[in-house]
Amino acid sequence: MLKRTLDLILAFGAVALLSPLLLAIAVLIKLDDGGPVLYRGVRVGRGGVPFRIRKFRTMVVNADRLGGPSTPDDDPRITKMGRWLRRSKLDELPQLLNVLNGEMSFVGPRPEVAQEVAQYSDEERALLSVRPGITDWASIRFRDEGVILRGAADPHEAYRQVIRPEKMRLALEYVRTASLATDVRILVATLRVVVGGGPR
C-alpha cells in the first residue's frame, strides 16, 4: 500500500513537472515523420493480466510487422527522433500514465510480451507476482542493449543468449528482496545514469 501511494505521488509530481517536456517531445515526433506520437503495445502485467504499455514512438509505423522483437541501435526501423529518445530513455516517460492507472510501478521487473511470458519457467513466473516497473536493476545494467545487439546476425537470438539470462536473474533477485529501500536505490541509480551519465 505504501509503495502504491508513493508511486501515485511521484507520478503526479513527475507529470506536472515534465508536462512542457512531454509536449515538446510529442510535437517533435509529429514533425519528424507525421506518424502517431505514442506507441501502445500489449504487455503482461501482475497476475498475468495484459495491458497496453505507453511509450513515445521511436520506430516507423507498423515496425512490428517489419522486423523482430529485439532492436539493435542500428535498426533501420528506428526514426531519427527515435534514436535520440532511445539514447536518452525519454521514450519511457509516457509510462507515467501506466503508473497512474495502476498497471505499472516506478520500480519493478520490465513487462514482457505474451509470447515471452509463455516461455517463462516456473521460477520466472514469480515475476508476475508484482507490478512491472519503468526501471529495475536490469534496465540499468543493460541500458545500452541496442549497442550490445548491434551487428548480430539474429538480434533476437543474441538477446536470448547474451542478455536474457542476466535480466531474468536480476529481476528474480529484485522480487525476492523487494523493499522500499531497494526501490529508492534503483531510482537514484536510474537518475544518475539517465541524467548524469553515471556508471552503467
N, C-alpha and C. Protein backbone atom coordinates (compact mmCIF):
# COMPACT_ATOMS: atom_id res chain seq x y z
N MET A 1 0.83 -1.20 0.00
CA MET A 1 0.00 0.00 0.00
C MET A 1 0.87 1.26 0.00
N LEU A 2 1.94 1.23 0.81
CA LEU A 2 2.84 2.38 0.86
C LEU A 2 3.50 2.60 -0.50
N LYS A 3 3.92 1.50 -1.14
CA LYS A 3 4.56 1.63 -2.44
C LYS A 3 3.61 2.24 -3.45
N ARG A 4 2.35 1.81 -3.45
CA ARG A 4 1.37 2.36 -4.39
C ARG A 4 1.14 3.84 -4.13
N THR A 5 1.06 4.22 -2.87
CA THR A 5 0.87 5.63 -2.52
C THR A 5 2.04 6.48 -3.02
N LEU A 6 3.25 5.98 -2.81
CA LEU A 6 4.44 6.71 -3.27
C LEU A 6 4.48 6.77 -4.80
N ASP A 7 4.08 5.68 -5.45
CA ASP A 7 4.01 5.69 -6.92
C ASP A 7 3.09 6.81 -7.41
N LEU A 8 1.92 6.93 -6.78
CA LEU A 8 0.96 7.95 -7.20
C LEU A 8 1.50 9.36 -6.98
N ILE A 9 2.10 9.58 -5.82
CA ILE A 9 2.65 10.90 -5.52
C ILE A 9 3.74 11.26 -6.51
N LEU A 10 4.66 10.33 -6.75
CA LEU A 10 5.77 10.59 -7.68
C LEU A 10 5.27 10.77 -9.11
N ALA A 11 4.30 9.96 -9.51
CA ALA A 11 3.80 10.04 -10.89
C ALA A 11 3.06 11.35 -11.13
N PHE A 12 2.20 11.76 -10.21
CA PHE A 12 1.50 13.04 -10.35
C PHE A 12 2.51 14.19 -10.40
N GLY A 13 3.49 14.14 -9.51
CA GLY A 13 4.51 15.19 -9.49
C GLY A 13 5.32 15.23 -10.76
N ALA A 14 5.71 14.04 -11.27
CA ALA A 14 6.52 13.98 -12.49
C ALA A 14 5.74 14.48 -13.69
N VAL A 15 4.46 14.11 -13.80
CA VAL A 15 3.65 14.58 -14.93
C VAL A 15 3.52 16.09 -14.89
N ALA A 16 3.27 16.65 -13.71
CA ALA A 16 3.14 18.10 -13.59
C ALA A 16 4.45 18.81 -13.93
N LEU A 17 5.55 18.28 -13.43
CA LEU A 17 6.85 18.91 -13.65
C LEU A 17 7.32 18.78 -15.10
N LEU A 18 7.05 17.64 -15.69
CA LEU A 18 7.59 17.34 -17.02
C LEU A 18 6.63 17.64 -18.17
N SER A 19 5.47 18.19 -17.87
CA SER A 19 4.47 18.45 -18.92
C SER A 19 5.03 19.23 -20.11
N PRO A 20 5.81 20.30 -19.89
CA PRO A 20 6.36 21.02 -21.05
C PRO A 20 7.27 20.14 -21.91
N LEU A 21 8.08 19.30 -21.25
CA LEU A 21 8.97 18.40 -21.99
C LEU A 21 8.16 17.36 -22.77
N LEU A 22 7.14 16.80 -22.14
CA LEU A 22 6.30 15.81 -22.80
C LEU A 22 5.64 16.39 -24.04
N LEU A 23 5.15 17.62 -23.92
CA LEU A 23 4.51 18.29 -25.06
C LEU A 23 5.51 18.55 -26.17
N ALA A 24 6.70 19.01 -25.80
CA ALA A 24 7.74 19.30 -26.80
C ALA A 24 8.13 18.03 -27.56
N ILE A 25 8.30 16.93 -26.84
CA ILE A 25 8.66 15.67 -27.49
C ILE A 25 7.55 15.23 -28.44
N ALA A 26 6.30 15.37 -28.01
CA ALA A 26 5.18 14.98 -28.86
C ALA A 26 5.17 15.77 -30.16
N VAL A 27 5.42 17.07 -30.07
CA VAL A 27 5.45 17.92 -31.26
C VAL A 27 6.60 17.50 -32.19
N LEU A 28 7.77 17.23 -31.61
CA LEU A 28 8.94 16.85 -32.42
C LEU A 28 8.72 15.52 -33.13
N ILE A 29 8.08 14.57 -32.47
CA ILE A 29 7.79 13.29 -33.12
C ILE A 29 6.85 13.50 -34.30
N LYS A 30 5.85 14.33 -34.08
CA LYS A 30 4.88 14.60 -35.16
C LYS A 30 5.56 15.28 -36.34
N LEU A 31 6.46 16.21 -36.04
CA LEU A 31 7.17 16.91 -37.11
C LEU A 31 8.17 15.99 -37.82
N ASP A 32 8.69 15.00 -37.10
CA ASP A 32 9.72 14.12 -37.66
C ASP A 32 9.19 13.30 -38.83
N ASP A 33 8.05 12.63 -38.63
CA ASP A 33 7.53 11.81 -39.74
C ASP A 33 6.01 11.82 -39.87
N GLY A 34 5.36 12.63 -39.04
CA GLY A 34 3.91 12.78 -39.18
C GLY A 34 3.08 11.64 -38.62
N GLY A 35 3.74 10.61 -38.08
CA GLY A 35 3.01 9.45 -37.56
C GLY A 35 2.50 9.67 -36.15
N PRO A 36 1.90 8.64 -35.55
CA PRO A 36 1.38 8.74 -34.18
C PRO A 36 2.49 9.09 -33.19
N VAL A 37 2.13 9.82 -32.16
CA VAL A 37 3.10 10.21 -31.13
C VAL A 37 3.43 9.04 -30.22
N LEU A 38 2.43 8.27 -29.86
CA LEU A 38 2.61 7.19 -28.89
C LEU A 38 2.60 5.81 -29.54
N TYR A 39 3.38 4.93 -28.95
CA TYR A 39 3.33 3.50 -29.26
C TYR A 39 2.59 2.84 -28.11
N ARG A 40 1.60 2.04 -28.43
CA ARG A 40 0.85 1.30 -27.41
C ARG A 40 0.96 -0.19 -27.72
N GLY A 41 1.77 -0.87 -26.96
CA GLY A 41 1.97 -2.29 -27.18
C GLY A 41 1.41 -3.09 -26.02
N VAL A 42 0.91 -4.28 -26.30
CA VAL A 42 0.34 -5.12 -25.25
C VAL A 42 1.47 -5.83 -24.49
N ARG A 43 1.42 -5.71 -23.18
CA ARG A 43 2.37 -6.38 -22.30
C ARG A 43 1.61 -7.14 -21.22
N VAL A 44 2.29 -8.03 -20.54
CA VAL A 44 1.67 -8.83 -19.48
C VAL A 44 2.04 -8.23 -18.13
N GLY A 45 1.02 -7.93 -17.34
CA GLY A 45 1.24 -7.31 -16.05
C GLY A 45 1.10 -8.27 -14.88
N ARG A 46 0.91 -7.70 -13.70
CA ARG A 46 0.79 -8.50 -12.48
C ARG A 46 -0.38 -9.48 -12.60
N GLY A 47 -0.13 -10.70 -12.17
CA GLY A 47 -1.17 -11.72 -12.25
C GLY A 47 -1.44 -12.24 -13.64
N GLY A 48 -0.56 -11.87 -14.59
CA GLY A 48 -0.76 -12.32 -15.96
C GLY A 48 -1.79 -11.53 -16.74
N VAL A 49 -2.22 -10.39 -16.19
CA VAL A 49 -3.24 -9.57 -16.85
C VAL A 49 -2.59 -8.68 -17.92
N PRO A 50 -3.07 -8.73 -19.15
CA PRO A 50 -2.48 -7.89 -20.21
C PRO A 50 -2.89 -6.43 -20.07
N PHE A 51 -2.02 -5.54 -20.49
CA PHE A 51 -2.33 -4.11 -20.51
C PHE A 51 -1.55 -3.47 -21.65
N ARG A 52 -1.92 -2.24 -21.97
CA ARG A 52 -1.23 -1.53 -23.05
C ARG A 52 -0.18 -0.58 -22.46
N ILE A 53 1.07 -0.87 -22.75
CA ILE A 53 2.15 -0.01 -22.29
C ILE A 53 2.25 1.18 -23.24
N ARG A 54 2.57 2.34 -22.69
CA ARG A 54 2.70 3.55 -23.49
C ARG A 54 4.16 3.98 -23.57
N LYS A 55 4.59 4.30 -24.76
CA LYS A 55 5.92 4.86 -24.98
C LYS A 55 5.81 5.91 -26.07
N PHE A 56 6.74 6.87 -26.06
CA PHE A 56 6.86 7.71 -27.23
C PHE A 56 7.34 6.83 -28.38
N ARG A 57 6.70 6.97 -29.54
CA ARG A 57 7.06 6.13 -30.68
C ARG A 57 8.46 6.47 -31.18
N THR A 58 9.30 5.45 -31.30
CA THR A 58 10.67 5.66 -31.76
C THR A 58 10.96 4.94 -33.08
N MET A 59 9.99 4.19 -33.58
CA MET A 59 10.19 3.42 -34.80
C MET A 59 9.13 3.79 -35.83
N VAL A 60 9.37 3.38 -37.06
CA VAL A 60 8.42 3.68 -38.13
C VAL A 60 7.08 3.01 -37.82
N VAL A 61 6.02 3.54 -38.42
CA VAL A 61 4.69 2.96 -38.24
C VAL A 61 4.70 1.50 -38.73
N ASN A 62 4.03 0.64 -37.95
CA ASN A 62 3.95 -0.81 -38.27
C ASN A 62 5.31 -1.50 -38.20
N ALA A 63 6.20 -0.99 -37.36
CA ALA A 63 7.53 -1.60 -37.24
C ALA A 63 7.46 -3.05 -36.80
N ASP A 64 6.45 -3.41 -35.99
CA ASP A 64 6.32 -4.79 -35.52
C ASP A 64 6.20 -5.78 -36.67
N ARG A 65 5.66 -5.31 -37.79
CA ARG A 65 5.46 -6.20 -38.94
C ARG A 65 6.69 -6.24 -39.85
N LEU A 66 7.64 -5.36 -39.58
CA LEU A 66 8.79 -5.23 -40.47
C LEU A 66 10.07 -5.87 -39.94
N GLY A 67 10.02 -6.41 -38.73
CA GLY A 67 11.23 -6.99 -38.15
C GLY A 67 10.91 -7.70 -36.85
N GLY A 68 11.96 -8.21 -36.20
CA GLY A 68 11.80 -8.98 -34.98
C GLY A 68 11.61 -8.11 -33.75
N PRO A 69 11.42 -8.75 -32.58
CA PRO A 69 11.15 -8.03 -31.34
C PRO A 69 12.37 -7.38 -30.69
N SER A 70 13.56 -7.83 -31.04
CA SER A 70 14.78 -7.25 -30.46
C SER A 70 15.34 -6.21 -31.42
N THR A 71 15.80 -5.08 -30.84
CA THR A 71 16.14 -3.93 -31.67
C THR A 71 17.55 -3.44 -31.42
N PRO A 72 18.51 -3.76 -32.30
CA PRO A 72 19.84 -3.16 -32.18
C PRO A 72 19.78 -1.67 -32.48
N ASP A 73 20.78 -0.92 -32.01
CA ASP A 73 20.70 0.53 -32.17
C ASP A 73 20.87 1.00 -33.61
N ASP A 74 21.29 0.10 -34.51
CA ASP A 74 21.40 0.48 -35.92
C ASP A 74 20.22 -0.06 -36.74
N ASP A 75 19.15 -0.45 -36.08
CA ASP A 75 17.97 -0.97 -36.77
C ASP A 75 17.37 0.12 -37.66
N PRO A 76 17.17 -0.15 -38.95
CA PRO A 76 16.65 0.87 -39.86
C PRO A 76 15.22 1.29 -39.56
N ARG A 77 14.52 0.53 -38.70
CA ARG A 77 13.15 0.91 -38.34
C ARG A 77 13.11 2.09 -37.38
N ILE A 78 14.22 2.39 -36.73
CA ILE A 78 14.25 3.49 -35.76
C ILE A 78 14.28 4.82 -36.50
N THR A 79 13.41 5.74 -36.09
CA THR A 79 13.36 7.06 -36.72
C THR A 79 14.51 7.93 -36.22
N LYS A 80 14.71 9.05 -36.90
CA LYS A 80 15.78 9.97 -36.48
C LYS A 80 15.51 10.49 -35.06
N MET A 81 14.29 10.91 -34.81
CA MET A 81 13.92 11.37 -33.47
C MET A 81 13.99 10.20 -32.48
N GLY A 82 13.63 9.02 -32.96
CA GLY A 82 13.62 7.85 -32.09
C GLY A 82 14.99 7.48 -31.56
N ARG A 83 16.03 7.71 -32.35
CA ARG A 83 17.39 7.38 -31.88
C ARG A 83 17.75 8.20 -30.66
N TRP A 84 17.41 9.48 -30.71
CA TRP A 84 17.71 10.35 -29.56
C TRP A 84 16.87 9.95 -28.35
N LEU A 85 15.59 9.67 -28.58
CA LEU A 85 14.72 9.29 -27.48
C LEU A 85 15.19 8.00 -26.82
N ARG A 86 15.64 7.04 -27.61
CA ARG A 86 16.12 5.78 -27.06
C ARG A 86 17.41 5.97 -26.27
N ARG A 87 18.32 6.77 -26.81
CA ARG A 87 19.58 7.01 -26.09
C ARG A 87 19.33 7.68 -24.75
N SER A 88 18.42 8.64 -24.73
CA SER A 88 18.14 9.40 -23.51
C SER A 88 17.16 8.70 -22.58
N LYS A 89 16.48 7.66 -23.09
CA LYS A 89 15.44 6.93 -22.36
C LYS A 89 14.18 7.76 -22.13
N LEU A 90 14.06 8.89 -22.80
CA LEU A 90 12.86 9.72 -22.66
C LEU A 90 11.64 9.06 -23.29
N ASP A 91 11.87 8.06 -24.14
CA ASP A 91 10.72 7.37 -24.75
C ASP A 91 9.87 6.64 -23.71
N GLU A 92 10.44 6.41 -22.52
CA GLU A 92 9.71 5.69 -21.48
C GLU A 92 8.77 6.58 -20.66
N LEU A 93 8.87 7.90 -20.80
CA LEU A 93 8.11 8.81 -19.94
C LEU A 93 6.59 8.60 -19.97
N PRO A 94 5.98 8.29 -21.10
CA PRO A 94 4.52 8.07 -21.07
C PRO A 94 4.07 6.93 -20.16
N GLN A 95 5.00 6.11 -19.71
CA GLN A 95 4.62 5.05 -18.77
C GLN A 95 4.22 5.61 -17.41
N LEU A 96 4.44 6.90 -17.21
CA LEU A 96 3.90 7.55 -16.01
C LEU A 96 2.38 7.36 -15.97
N LEU A 97 1.73 7.36 -17.14
CA LEU A 97 0.29 7.14 -17.20
C LEU A 97 -0.06 5.71 -16.80
N ASN A 98 0.79 4.76 -17.17
CA ASN A 98 0.58 3.38 -16.73
C ASN A 98 0.70 3.26 -15.22
N VAL A 99 1.60 4.04 -14.63
CA VAL A 99 1.74 4.04 -13.17
C VAL A 99 0.48 4.61 -12.53
N LEU A 100 -0.01 5.73 -13.06
CA LEU A 100 -1.22 6.33 -12.51
C LEU A 100 -2.41 5.39 -12.62
N ASN A 101 -2.46 4.61 -13.69
CA ASN A 101 -3.57 3.66 -13.89
C ASN A 101 -3.45 2.41 -13.03
N GLY A 102 -2.31 2.24 -12.34
CA GLY A 102 -2.12 1.07 -11.51
C GLY A 102 -1.62 -0.15 -12.25
N GLU A 103 -1.26 0.02 -13.52
CA GLU A 103 -0.77 -1.10 -14.32
C GLU A 103 0.72 -1.35 -14.11
N MET A 104 1.44 -0.30 -13.71
CA MET A 104 2.88 -0.39 -13.51
C MET A 104 3.26 0.35 -12.24
N SER A 105 4.49 0.13 -11.83
CA SER A 105 5.10 0.84 -10.71
C SER A 105 6.34 1.56 -11.25
N PHE A 106 6.89 2.46 -10.47
CA PHE A 106 8.15 3.07 -10.90
C PHE A 106 9.26 2.02 -10.96
N VAL A 107 9.29 1.14 -9.97
CA VAL A 107 10.34 0.12 -9.90
C VAL A 107 9.72 -1.26 -9.92
N GLY A 108 10.26 -2.12 -10.76
CA GLY A 108 9.78 -3.49 -10.86
C GLY A 108 10.33 -4.12 -12.12
N PRO A 109 10.19 -5.43 -12.26
CA PRO A 109 10.67 -6.09 -13.48
C PRO A 109 9.99 -5.50 -14.72
N ARG A 110 10.74 -5.34 -15.79
CA ARG A 110 10.15 -4.78 -17.00
C ARG A 110 9.11 -5.75 -17.58
N PRO A 111 7.96 -5.23 -18.04
CA PRO A 111 6.91 -6.10 -18.58
C PRO A 111 7.30 -6.68 -19.93
N GLU A 112 6.86 -7.89 -20.18
CA GLU A 112 7.19 -8.59 -21.42
C GLU A 112 5.93 -8.85 -22.25
N VAL A 113 6.13 -9.17 -23.52
CA VAL A 113 5.02 -9.55 -24.39
C VAL A 113 4.56 -10.96 -24.03
N ALA A 114 3.34 -11.30 -24.44
CA ALA A 114 2.76 -12.59 -24.06
C ALA A 114 3.59 -13.76 -24.57
N GLN A 115 4.18 -13.62 -25.76
CA GLN A 115 4.97 -14.72 -26.32
C GLN A 115 6.18 -15.03 -25.44
N GLU A 116 6.76 -14.00 -24.85
CA GLU A 116 7.91 -14.21 -23.97
C GLU A 116 7.47 -14.82 -22.65
N VAL A 117 6.37 -14.32 -22.10
CA VAL A 117 5.87 -14.83 -20.82
C VAL A 117 5.47 -16.30 -20.94
N ALA A 118 4.97 -16.69 -22.10
CA ALA A 118 4.56 -18.09 -22.31
C ALA A 118 5.74 -19.04 -22.17
N GLN A 119 6.96 -18.52 -22.33
CA GLN A 119 8.16 -19.35 -22.23
C GLN A 119 8.82 -19.28 -20.85
N TYR A 120 8.20 -18.56 -19.91
CA TYR A 120 8.76 -18.47 -18.56
C TYR A 120 8.83 -19.86 -17.93
N SER A 121 9.90 -20.07 -17.19
CA SER A 121 9.98 -21.26 -16.36
C SER A 121 9.09 -21.06 -15.13
N ASP A 122 8.90 -22.12 -14.36
CA ASP A 122 8.10 -21.99 -13.13
C ASP A 122 8.70 -20.94 -12.22
N GLU A 123 10.02 -20.90 -12.13
CA GLU A 123 10.68 -19.91 -11.29
C GLU A 123 10.44 -18.50 -11.81
N GLU A 124 10.53 -18.32 -13.11
CA GLU A 124 10.38 -16.99 -13.70
C GLU A 124 8.97 -16.45 -13.59
N ARG A 125 7.99 -17.32 -13.42
CA ARG A 125 6.61 -16.85 -13.28
C ARG A 125 6.40 -16.06 -12.00
N ALA A 126 7.35 -16.12 -11.09
CA ALA A 126 7.29 -15.29 -9.89
C ALA A 126 7.33 -13.81 -10.24
N LEU A 127 7.85 -13.48 -11.42
CA LEU A 127 7.91 -12.08 -11.85
C LEU A 127 6.51 -11.49 -12.02
N LEU A 128 5.52 -12.34 -12.23
CA LEU A 128 4.15 -11.87 -12.41
C LEU A 128 3.44 -11.61 -11.08
N SER A 129 4.14 -11.78 -9.98
CA SER A 129 3.53 -11.56 -8.66
C SER A 129 3.59 -10.10 -8.24
N VAL A 130 4.32 -9.28 -8.99
CA VAL A 130 4.45 -7.86 -8.66
C VAL A 130 4.10 -7.02 -9.89
N ARG A 131 3.80 -5.74 -9.65
CA ARG A 131 3.58 -4.85 -10.78
C ARG A 131 4.89 -4.68 -11.55
N PRO A 132 4.83 -4.71 -12.87
CA PRO A 132 6.04 -4.40 -13.65
C PRO A 132 6.42 -2.94 -13.45
N GLY A 133 7.67 -2.62 -13.74
CA GLY A 133 8.16 -1.28 -13.47
C GLY A 133 8.72 -0.56 -14.68
N ILE A 134 8.90 0.75 -14.50
CA ILE A 134 9.55 1.56 -15.52
C ILE A 134 11.05 1.27 -15.52
N THR A 135 11.59 0.98 -14.34
CA THR A 135 13.02 0.72 -14.23
C THR A 135 13.29 -0.38 -13.21
N ASP A 136 14.44 -1.02 -13.35
CA ASP A 136 14.91 -2.01 -12.39
C ASP A 136 16.41 -2.17 -12.59
N TRP A 137 17.02 -3.07 -11.83
CA TRP A 137 18.47 -3.24 -11.96
C TRP A 137 18.85 -3.67 -13.38
N ALA A 138 18.03 -4.49 -14.00
CA ALA A 138 18.34 -4.95 -15.36
C ALA A 138 18.29 -3.81 -16.36
N SER A 139 17.35 -2.87 -16.18
CA SER A 139 17.28 -1.71 -17.08
C SER A 139 18.55 -0.88 -17.00
N ILE A 140 19.09 -0.77 -15.81
CA ILE A 140 20.33 -0.01 -15.62
C ILE A 140 21.51 -0.79 -16.20
N ARG A 141 21.57 -2.08 -15.88
CA ARG A 141 22.68 -2.91 -16.36
C ARG A 141 22.73 -2.95 -17.89
N PHE A 142 21.57 -3.03 -18.52
CA PHE A 142 21.51 -3.16 -19.98
C PHE A 142 20.94 -1.90 -20.63
N ARG A 143 21.34 -0.76 -20.09
CA ARG A 143 20.88 0.50 -20.68
C ARG A 143 21.27 0.59 -22.15
N ASP A 144 22.42 0.05 -22.51
CA ASP A 144 22.90 0.09 -23.89
C ASP A 144 22.64 -1.23 -24.62
N GLU A 145 21.47 -1.79 -24.39
CA GLU A 145 21.12 -3.07 -25.01
C GLU A 145 21.25 -3.02 -26.53
N GLY A 146 20.83 -1.91 -27.13
CA GLY A 146 20.90 -1.77 -28.58
C GLY A 146 22.32 -1.86 -29.11
N VAL A 147 23.27 -1.33 -28.33
CA VAL A 147 24.68 -1.39 -28.73
C VAL A 147 25.18 -2.84 -28.66
N ILE A 148 24.76 -3.56 -27.62
CA ILE A 148 25.17 -4.96 -27.46
C ILE A 148 24.68 -5.80 -28.63
N LEU A 149 23.48 -5.49 -29.12
CA LEU A 149 22.88 -6.28 -30.20
C LEU A 149 23.33 -5.84 -31.59
N ARG A 150 24.03 -4.71 -31.66
CA ARG A 150 24.44 -4.19 -32.97
C ARG A 150 25.31 -5.21 -33.71
N GLY A 151 25.00 -5.42 -34.96
CA GLY A 151 25.80 -6.30 -35.80
C GLY A 151 25.48 -7.78 -35.67
N ALA A 152 24.57 -8.13 -34.75
CA ALA A 152 24.22 -9.55 -34.58
C ALA A 152 23.46 -10.05 -35.81
N ALA A 153 23.80 -11.23 -36.28
CA ALA A 153 23.10 -11.81 -37.43
C ALA A 153 21.63 -12.03 -37.11
N ASP A 154 21.35 -12.43 -35.88
CA ASP A 154 19.98 -12.62 -35.41
C ASP A 154 19.86 -11.91 -34.06
N PRO A 155 19.42 -10.64 -34.05
CA PRO A 155 19.37 -9.88 -32.80
C PRO A 155 18.55 -10.55 -31.71
N HIS A 156 17.44 -11.18 -32.07
CA HIS A 156 16.60 -11.80 -31.04
C HIS A 156 17.30 -13.00 -30.41
N GLU A 157 18.00 -13.78 -31.21
CA GLU A 157 18.74 -14.92 -30.66
C GLU A 157 19.89 -14.42 -29.79
N ALA A 158 20.54 -13.34 -30.22
CA ALA A 158 21.61 -12.74 -29.41
C ALA A 158 21.06 -12.26 -28.08
N TYR A 159 19.87 -11.67 -28.11
CA TYR A 159 19.22 -11.23 -26.87
C TYR A 159 18.99 -12.41 -25.94
N ARG A 160 18.45 -13.48 -26.48
CA ARG A 160 18.12 -14.64 -25.65
C ARG A 160 19.37 -15.30 -25.07
N GLN A 161 20.46 -15.29 -25.81
CA GLN A 161 21.68 -15.95 -25.36
C GLN A 161 22.53 -15.08 -24.44
N VAL A 162 22.60 -13.78 -24.75
CA VAL A 162 23.54 -12.89 -24.06
C VAL A 162 22.88 -12.07 -22.95
N ILE A 163 21.68 -11.54 -23.22
CA ILE A 163 21.07 -10.57 -22.31
C ILE A 163 20.02 -11.20 -21.40
N ARG A 164 19.15 -12.02 -21.96
CA ARG A 164 18.01 -12.52 -21.19
C ARG A 164 18.39 -13.24 -19.90
N PRO A 165 19.38 -14.14 -19.88
CA PRO A 165 19.68 -14.84 -18.63
C PRO A 165 20.01 -13.90 -17.47
N GLU A 166 20.82 -12.88 -17.74
CA GLU A 166 21.17 -11.94 -16.67
C GLU A 166 19.99 -11.06 -16.29
N LYS A 167 19.18 -10.67 -17.27
CA LYS A 167 17.98 -9.89 -16.96
C LYS A 167 17.06 -10.67 -16.03
N MET A 168 16.86 -11.94 -16.34
CA MET A 168 15.99 -12.77 -15.51
C MET A 168 16.55 -12.91 -14.10
N ARG A 169 17.86 -13.10 -14.01
CA ARG A 169 18.49 -13.25 -12.69
C ARG A 169 18.28 -12.01 -11.85
N LEU A 170 18.51 -10.83 -12.45
CA LEU A 170 18.36 -9.57 -11.72
C LEU A 170 16.91 -9.32 -11.34
N ALA A 171 15.98 -9.64 -12.26
CA ALA A 171 14.57 -9.42 -11.98
C ALA A 171 14.08 -10.33 -10.85
N LEU A 172 14.50 -11.58 -10.86
CA LEU A 172 14.09 -12.51 -9.81
C LEU A 172 14.70 -12.12 -8.47
N GLU A 173 15.93 -11.65 -8.50
CA GLU A 173 16.57 -11.18 -7.27
C GLU A 173 15.80 -10.01 -6.69
N TYR A 174 15.31 -9.12 -7.56
CA TYR A 174 14.51 -7.98 -7.08
C TYR A 174 13.23 -8.48 -6.39
N VAL A 175 12.53 -9.41 -7.02
CA VAL A 175 11.28 -9.92 -6.45
C VAL A 175 11.53 -10.55 -5.09
N ARG A 176 12.64 -11.27 -4.95
CA ARG A 176 12.95 -11.95 -3.69
C ARG A 176 13.32 -10.97 -2.58
N THR A 177 13.90 -9.83 -2.94
CA THR A 177 14.44 -8.92 -1.92
C THR A 177 13.78 -7.54 -1.95
N ALA A 178 12.63 -7.42 -2.61
CA ALA A 178 11.99 -6.11 -2.79
C ALA A 178 11.72 -5.42 -1.45
N SER A 179 12.05 -4.14 -1.43
CA SER A 179 11.79 -3.31 -0.25
C SER A 179 11.78 -1.86 -0.70
N LEU A 180 11.27 -0.99 0.15
CA LEU A 180 11.26 0.43 -0.17
C LEU A 180 12.68 0.95 -0.34
N ALA A 181 13.59 0.47 0.50
CA ALA A 181 14.99 0.91 0.41
C ALA A 181 15.61 0.50 -0.93
N THR A 182 15.30 -0.72 -1.37
CA THR A 182 15.80 -1.17 -2.67
C THR A 182 15.25 -0.30 -3.80
N ASP A 183 13.95 0.03 -3.73
CA ASP A 183 13.35 0.88 -4.76
C ASP A 183 14.03 2.24 -4.81
N VAL A 184 14.32 2.80 -3.66
CA VAL A 184 14.99 4.11 -3.62
C VAL A 184 16.37 4.01 -4.26
N ARG A 185 17.11 2.95 -3.96
CA ARG A 185 18.43 2.77 -4.55
C ARG A 185 18.34 2.66 -6.07
N ILE A 186 17.36 1.91 -6.55
CA ILE A 186 17.20 1.75 -8.01
C ILE A 186 16.82 3.08 -8.66
N LEU A 187 15.93 3.84 -8.04
CA LEU A 187 15.54 5.13 -8.60
C LEU A 187 16.72 6.09 -8.65
N VAL A 188 17.50 6.13 -7.58
CA VAL A 188 18.67 7.01 -7.55
C VAL A 188 19.68 6.59 -8.61
N ALA A 189 19.92 5.29 -8.73
CA ALA A 189 20.86 4.79 -9.74
C ALA A 189 20.37 5.11 -11.15
N THR A 190 19.07 4.99 -11.37
CA THR A 190 18.49 5.31 -12.68
C THR A 190 18.68 6.78 -13.02
N LEU A 191 18.41 7.66 -12.06
CA LEU A 191 18.59 9.10 -12.29
C LEU A 191 20.05 9.43 -12.57
N ARG A 192 20.95 8.77 -11.86
CA ARG A 192 22.38 9.02 -12.09
C ARG A 192 22.77 8.66 -13.52
N VAL A 193 22.25 7.55 -14.00
CA VAL A 193 22.59 7.10 -15.35
C VAL A 193 21.93 7.96 -16.42
N VAL A 194 20.64 8.23 -16.27
CA VAL A 194 19.89 8.95 -17.30
C VAL A 194 20.23 10.43 -17.32
N VAL A 195 20.29 11.05 -16.14
CA VAL A 195 20.51 12.49 -16.07
C VAL A 195 22.00 12.83 -16.03
N GLY A 196 22.74 12.07 -15.23
CA GLY A 196 24.14 12.44 -15.04
C GLY A 196 25.15 11.60 -15.78
N GLY A 197 24.67 10.58 -16.51
CA GLY A 197 25.61 9.73 -17.24
C GLY A 197 26.51 8.94 -16.32
N GLY A 198 25.95 8.51 -15.19
CA GLY A 198 26.73 7.79 -14.20
C GLY A 198 27.07 6.38 -14.65
N PRO A 199 27.66 5.59 -13.76
CA PRO A 199 28.09 4.25 -14.10
C PRO A 199 26.95 3.41 -14.63
N ARG A 200 27.28 2.52 -15.58
CA ARG A 200 26.26 1.68 -16.18
C ARG A 200 26.49 0.24 -15.79
